[in-house]
Amino acid sequence: LLSAFALLLPAKPVLADDELYKTKNCFACHKIDRNTLGPSFKSIAAKYAEDKAADVKLAQRVREGGVGVWGSTPMPAQTQVSEAEALTLTRWILELK
């Protein structure tokens, strides 16, 4: 379902509203250029730079949570983030260099 929905959204580049990151609590665990509880957004962008489907995969991970990709600290599911918001967030992250 998420991948079908992704086809309806604009392709990169996507600019995310700064308020979206604040209201969805991304910065509680992630920072742009340094690792904290979670990996930095720039580290995520570098890791997935060659993966053309990364935006959809990462958006799904945001909504469903996960563990093991970046260590043993789990990322809890972010159910307050809609599919569209998750794609906007992950596309913005993937544009960071």
Protein backbone atom coordinates (compact mmCIF):
# COMPACT_ATOMS: atom_id res chain seq x y z
CA LEU A 1 0.00 0.00 0.00
CA LEU A 2 2.76 2.45 0.90
CA SER A 3 4.64 1.85 -2.36
CA ALA A 4 1.47 2.41 -4.42
CA PHE A 5 0.80 5.61 -2.50
CA ALA A 6 4.37 6.76 -3.09
CA LEU A 7 3.75 6.87 -6.82
CA LEU A 8 1.20 9.63 -6.28
CA LEU A 9 3.59 11.89 -4.43
CA PRO A 10 6.07 14.20 -6.15
CA ALA A 11 9.53 12.88 -6.87
CA LYS A 12 12.64 14.44 -5.32
CA PRO A 13 13.51 17.09 -4.36
CA VAL A 14 11.08 17.45 -1.51
CA LEU A 15 11.38 20.23 1.02
CA ALA A 16 10.00 19.43 4.42
CA ASP A 17 8.34 21.98 6.62
CA ASP A 18 10.47 22.56 9.72
CA GLU A 19 7.37 22.29 11.89
CA LEU A 20 6.74 18.75 10.64
CA TYR A 21 9.99 17.55 12.20
CA LYS A 22 9.20 19.27 15.46
CA THR A 23 5.65 17.97 15.72
CA LYS A 24 6.61 14.41 14.76
CA ASN A 25 9.44 14.29 17.33
CA CYS A 26 12.16 13.22 14.88
CA PHE A 27 14.75 15.33 16.68
CA ALA A 28 14.13 13.53 19.96
CA CYS A 29 16.37 10.71 18.69
CA HIS A 30 17.98 12.05 15.50
CA LYS A 31 20.09 15.09 14.65
CA ILE A 32 21.06 16.28 11.20
CA ASP A 33 24.82 15.81 11.41
CA ARG A 34 25.61 13.85 14.56
CA ASN A 35 24.58 10.52 15.99
CA THR A 36 22.59 10.60 19.21
CA LEU A 37 20.14 7.91 20.30
CA GLY A 38 19.59 7.19 16.60
CA PRO A 39 21.80 7.73 13.56
CA SER A 40 22.21 11.20 12.12
CA PHE A 41 20.11 12.09 9.13
CA LYS A 42 23.29 12.56 7.09
CA SER A 43 24.43 9.03 8.04
CA ILE A 44 21.09 7.66 6.90
CA ALA A 45 21.35 9.58 3.61
CA ALA A 46 24.86 8.23 3.01
CA LYS A 47 23.90 4.63 3.80
CA TYR A 48 20.97 4.66 1.38
CA ALA A 49 22.45 6.93 -1.32
CA GLU A 50 22.42 4.22 -3.99
CA ASP A 51 19.07 2.69 -3.04
CA LYS A 52 16.38 4.06 -5.37
CA ALA A 53 13.57 2.62 -3.20
CA ALA A 54 14.99 3.88 0.09
CA ASP A 55 12.35 6.58 0.54
CA VAL A 56 9.51 4.05 0.58
CA LYS A 57 11.43 1.52 2.71
CA LEU A 58 12.45 4.14 5.27
CA ALA A 59 8.97 5.67 5.38
CA GLN A 60 7.61 2.23 6.23
CA ARG A 61 10.26 1.83 8.93
CA VAL A 62 9.29 5.21 10.41
CA ARG A 63 5.67 4.10 10.70
CA GLU A 64 6.31 0.49 11.78
CA GLY A 65 9.54 0.83 13.77
CA GLY A 66 12.50 -1.51 13.57
CA VAL A 67 15.73 -2.70 15.11
CA GLY A 68 19.07 -4.11 13.97
CA VAL A 69 20.01 -1.86 11.06
CA TRP A 70 21.85 0.68 13.22
CA GLY A 71 22.48 -1.43 16.31
CA SER A 72 20.42 -2.92 19.07
CA THR A 73 18.46 0.19 20.08
CA PRO A 74 14.96 -0.17 18.61
CA MET A 75 13.19 2.60 16.78
CA PRO A 76 9.61 2.58 18.04
CA ALA A 77 6.76 2.76 15.55
CA GLN A 78 5.76 6.35 14.84
CA THR A 79 2.06 5.78 14.30
CA GLN A 80 1.30 9.49 14.60
CA VAL A 81 3.13 10.02 11.28
CA SER A 82 0.91 9.53 8.22
CA GLU A 83 2.19 7.73 5.11
CA ALA A 84 2.49 11.03 3.24
CA GLU A 85 4.35 12.67 6.13
CA ALA A 86 6.71 9.69 6.42
CA LEU A 87 7.56 9.94 2.73
CA THR A 88 8.11 13.69 3.00
CA LEU A 89 10.39 13.17 5.98
CA THR A 90 12.42 10.35 4.44
CA ARG A 91 12.79 12.09 1.08
CA TRP A 92 14.10 15.17 2.87
CA ILE A 93 16.56 13.06 4.87
CA LEU A 94 17.79 11.30 1.73
CA GLU A 95 18.57 14.65 0.10
CA LEU A 96 21.03 15.57 2.87
CA LYS A 97 24.65 15.16 1.88
